[in-house]
C-alpha atoms as a PDB file:
ATOM      1  CA  GLN A   1       9.276  35.876 -43.361  1.00  0.00           C
ATOM      2  CA  TRP A   2      11.895  34.009 -42.219  1.00  0.00           C
ATOM      3  CA  ASP A   3      12.997  36.665 -39.798  1.00  0.00           C
ATOM      4  CA  THR A   4       9.594  36.491 -37.993  1.00  0.00           C
ATOM      5  CA  GLN A   5       9.442  32.678 -37.417  1.00  0.00           C
ATOM      6  CA  PRO A   6      10.519  31.093 -33.893  1.00  0.00           C
ATOM      7  CA  LYS A   7      14.300  29.479 -34.209  1.00  0.00           C
ATOM      8  CA  SER A   8      12.933  26.123 -33.301  1.00  0.00           C
ATOM      9  CA  VAL A   9      10.197  25.837 -36.132  1.00  0.00           C
ATOM     10  CA  ILE A  10      13.077  26.617 -38.651  1.00  0.00           C
ATOM     11  CA  ASP A  11      15.011  23.587 -37.041  1.00  0.00           C
ATOM     12  CA  SER A  12      12.408  21.602 -36.983  1.00  0.00           C
ATOM     13  CA  PHE A  13      11.156  21.995 -40.773  1.00  0.00           C
ATOM     14  CA  VAL A  14      15.029  22.021 -41.578  1.00  0.00           C
ATOM     15  CA  LEU A  15      15.267  18.580 -40.081  1.00  0.00           C
ATOM     16  CA  LEU A  16      12.182  17.611 -41.676  1.00  0.00           C
ATOM     17  CA  LEU A  17      13.368  18.646 -45.489  1.00  0.00           C
ATOM     18  CA  SER A  18      16.195  16.523 -44.925  1.00  0.00           C
ATOM     19  CA  PRO A  19      15.316  13.034 -45.915  1.00  0.00           C
ATOM     20  CA  PHE A  20      14.312  14.662 -49.371  1.00  0.00           C
ATOM     21  CA  ALA A  21      16.820  17.395 -50.097  1.00  0.00           C
ATOM     22  CA  PRO A  22      19.790  16.427 -47.692  1.00  0.00           C
ATOM     23  CA  HIS A  23      22.618  18.203 -48.880  1.00  0.00           C
ATOM     24  CA  LEU A  24      20.343  21.790 -49.090  1.00  0.00           C
ATOM     25  CA  ALA A  25      18.886  20.868 -45.530  1.00  0.00           C
ATOM     26  CA  GLU A  26      22.670  20.323 -43.736  1.00  0.00           C
ATOM     27  CA  GLU A  27      24.111  23.369 -45.462  1.00  0.00           C
ATOM     28  CA  LEU A  28      20.798  25.503 -43.976  1.00  0.00           C
ATOM     29  CA  TRP A  29      21.448  23.628 -40.844  1.00  0.00           C
ATOM     30  CA  PHE A  30      24.578  24.987 -40.215  1.00  0.00           C
ATOM     31  CA  ARG A  31      23.584  28.565 -41.640  1.00  0.00           C
ATOM     32  CA  LEU A  32      20.942  28.241 -38.567  1.00  0.00           C
ATOM     33  CA  GLY A  33      24.497  28.093 -36.571  1.00  0.00           C
ATOM     34  CA  HIS A  34      24.057  24.701 -35.240  1.00  0.00           C
ATOM     35  CA  ALA A  35      28.139  22.920 -34.943  1.00  0.00           C
ATOM     36  CA  GLN A  36      26.992  19.448 -35.631  1.00  0.00           C
ATOM     37  CA  SER A  37      25.669  17.622 -38.335  1.00  0.00           C
ATOM     38  CA  LEU A  38      21.874  17.169 -38.205  1.00  0.00           C
ATOM     39  CA  ALA A  39      22.321  13.413 -38.892  1.00  0.00           C
ATOM     40  CA  HIS A  40      23.004  13.208 -35.514  1.00  0.00           C
ATOM     41  CA  GLU A  41      19.682  15.366 -34.154  1.00  0.00           C
ATOM     42  CA  GLN A  42      16.201  13.620 -33.721  1.00  0.00           C
ATOM     43  CA  PHE A  43      13.920  13.891 -35.605  1.00  0.00           C
ATOM     44  CA  PRO A  44      10.643  15.725 -34.851  1.00  0.00           C
ATOM     45  CA  GLU A  45       8.133  13.800 -33.375  1.00  0.00           C
ATOM     46  CA  ALA A  46       4.283  14.281 -34.945  1.00  0.00           C
ATOM     47  CA  LYS A  47       1.635  15.542 -32.176  1.00  0.00           C
ATOM     48  CA  ASN A  48      -1.492  13.796 -32.458  1.00  0.00           C
ATOM     49  CA  GLU A  49      -3.742  16.670 -31.517  1.00  0.00           C
ATOM     50  CA  TYR A  50      -2.554  18.592 -34.490  1.00  0.00           C
ATOM     51  CA  LEU A  51      -3.246  16.136 -36.789  1.00  0.00           C
ATOM     52  CA  LYS A  52      -6.891  15.974 -36.109  1.00  0.00           C
ATOM     53  CA  GLU A  53      -8.942  17.837 -38.346  1.00  0.00           C
ATOM     54  CA  SER A  54     -11.645  19.535 -37.046  1.00  0.00           C
ATOM     55  CA  GLU A  55     -13.738  20.472 -40.315  1.00  0.00           C
ATOM     56  CA  ILE A  56     -14.849  17.807 -42.906  1.00  0.00           C
ATOM     57  CA  VAL A  57     -16.418  18.441 -46.461  1.00  0.00           C
ATOM     58  CA  LEU A  58     -19.484  17.033 -46.548  1.00  0.00           C
ATOM     59  CA  PRO A  59     -21.125  15.821 -49.735  1.00  0.00           C
ATOM     60  CA  VAL A  60     -24.475  16.927 -50.181  1.00  0.00           C
ATOM     61  CA  GLN A  61     -27.438  14.734 -52.425  1.00  0.00           C
ATOM     62  CA  ILE A  62     -30.736  16.067 -53.183  1.00  0.00           C
ATOM     63  CA  ASN A  63     -33.015  13.151 -54.408  1.00  0.00           C
ATOM     64  CA  GLY A  64     -29.738  10.617 -54.906  1.00  0.00           C
ATOM     65  CA  LYS A  65     -27.766  12.716 -57.030  1.00  0.00           C
ATOM     66  CA  THR A  66     -24.442  14.799 -55.821  1.00  0.00           C
ATOM     67  CA  ARG A  67     -25.349  18.095 -56.120  1.00  0.00           C
ATOM     68  CA  GLY A  68     -22.283  19.835 -54.213  1.00  0.00           C
ATOM     69  CA  THR A  69     -20.318  19.764 -50.711  1.00  0.00           C
ATOM     70  CA  ILE A  70     -20.167  21.943 -47.814  1.00  0.00           C
ATOM     71  CA  LEU A  71     -17.742  22.374 -44.992  1.00  0.00           C
ATOM     72  CA  VAL A  72     -18.584  21.838 -41.955  1.00  0.00           C
ATOM     73  CA  ASP A  73     -17.628  20.945 -38.079  1.00  0.00           C
ATOM     74  CA  LYS A  74     -16.940  17.493 -37.541  1.00  0.00           C
ATOM     75  CA  GLU A  75     -19.555  17.617 -34.716  1.00  0.00           C
ATOM     76  CA  CYS A  76     -22.029  19.082 -36.130  1.00  0.00           C
ATOM     77  CA  SER A  77     -25.831  17.953 -36.065  1.00  0.00           C
ATOM     78  CA  GLU A  78     -27.971  17.186 -38.335  1.00  0.00           C
ATOM     79  CA  ASP A  79     -30.057  20.318 -38.397  1.00  0.00           C
ATOM     80  CA  ASP A  80     -27.175  22.539 -38.566  1.00  0.00           C
ATOM     81  CA  VAL A  81     -25.495  20.489 -41.245  1.00  0.00           C
ATOM     82  CA  PHE A  82     -28.996  21.047 -43.340  1.00  0.00           C
ATOM     83  CA  GLN A  83     -28.941  24.544 -42.090  1.00  0.00           C
ATOM     84  CA  ILE A  84     -25.499  25.206 -43.447  1.00  0.00           C
ATOM     85  CA  ALA A  85     -26.638  23.298 -46.881  1.00  0.00           C
ATOM     86  CA  ALA A  86     -29.719  25.051 -47.332  1.00  0.00           C
ATOM     87  CA  SER A  87     -27.977  28.578 -47.280  1.00  0.00           C
ATOM     88  CA  ASP A  88     -25.278  27.418 -49.455  1.00  0.00           C
ATOM     89  CA  ASP A  89     -26.158  29.482 -52.658  1.00  0.00           C
ATOM     90  CA  ARG A  90     -25.332  26.202 -55.340  1.00  0.00           C
ATOM     91  CA  LEU A  91     -27.654  23.814 -52.938  1.00  0.00           C
ATOM     92  CA  SER A  92     -30.433  26.465 -52.224  1.00  0.00           C
ATOM     93  CA  LYS A  93     -31.564  26.639 -55.462  1.00  0.00           C
ATOM     94  CA  TYR A  94     -32.458  22.835 -55.515  1.00  0.00           C
ATOM     95  CA  LEU A  95     -34.225  23.151 -52.273  1.00  0.00           C
ATOM     96  CA  ASP A  96     -36.207  26.448 -52.614  1.00  0.00           C
ATOM     97  CA  GLY A  97     -40.178  25.863 -52.750  1.00  0.00           C
ATOM     98  CA  LYS A  98     -40.207  21.897 -52.620  1.00  0.00           C
ATOM     99  CA  ALA A  99     -41.125  20.086 -49.786  1.00  0.00           C
ATOM    100  CA  ILE A 100     -38.928  17.898 -48.298  1.00  0.00           C
ATOM    101  CA  ARG A 101     -39.920  14.051 -47.649  1.00  0.00           C
ATOM    102  CA  LYS A 102     -36.782  12.610 -45.513  1.00  0.00           C
ATOM    103  CA  ARG A 103     -33.456  14.127 -44.641  1.00  0.00           C
ATOM    104  CA  ILE A 104     -30.905  11.280 -44.470  1.00  0.00           C
ATOM    105  CA  TYR A 105     -27.694  12.310 -42.492  1.00  0.00           C
ATOM    106  CA  VAL A 106     -24.857   9.823 -41.987  1.00  0.00           C
ATOM    107  CA  PRO A 107     -22.614  12.108 -39.342  1.00  0.00           C
ATOM    108  CA  GLY A 108     -19.081  12.664 -41.194  1.00  0.00           C
ATOM    109  CA  ARG A 109     -20.037  11.144 -44.663  1.00  0.00           C
ATOM    110  CA  ILE A 110     -22.883  12.601 -46.488  1.00  0.00           C
ATOM    111  CA  LEU A 111     -26.160  14.170 -46.173  1.00  0.00           C
ATOM    112  CA  ASN A 112     -28.996  13.008 -48.507  1.00  0.00           C
ATOM    113  CA  VAL A 113     -32.395  15.004 -48.982  1.00  0.00           C
ATOM    114  CA  ILE A 114     -34.996  13.396 -50.436  1.00  0.00           C
ATOM    115  CA  LEU A 115     -37.840  15.714 -52.128  1.00  0.00           C
ATOM    116  CA  ASP A 116     -41.507  15.494 -53.000  1.00  0.00           C
ATOM    117  CA  GLN A 117     -42.333  15.949 -56.563  1.00  0.00           C
ATOM    118  CA  GLN A 118     -44.576  18.218 -56.079  1.00  0.00           C
ATOM    119  CA  LYS A 119     -43.978  21.845 -55.180  1.00  0.00           C
ATOM    120  CA  ALA A 120     -44.544  22.672 -51.240  1.00  0.00           C
ATOM    121  CA  ARG A 121     -48.011  24.294 -50.373  1.00  0.00           C
ATOM    122  CA  THR A 122     -47.927  27.648 -49.283  1.00  0.00           C
END
């Protein structure tokens, strides 16, 4: 598996490993063909564009009780989030055949569905 990775990725990994396992990282560093100690190398910098999550786990409440979670895109609209929740097997059993009184969606935080106590009319 290591043979398929670019050398720059392996070098960065060894540099990141060095604070936790310095002796092992130093040995790996020399085996990768470096002549100087890794202590003289620049520590890899984090890139903010790689740290942002595009998907979030959103809790879904039905009548105020958390019934499950769904994985949605961070920029999803309320209708899209509701459609994902309604198609989820664990959540659809609570929604099938019920009239929805109100949907409360706080973007990126929670979806709450308030149901009427009576069955939906067909």
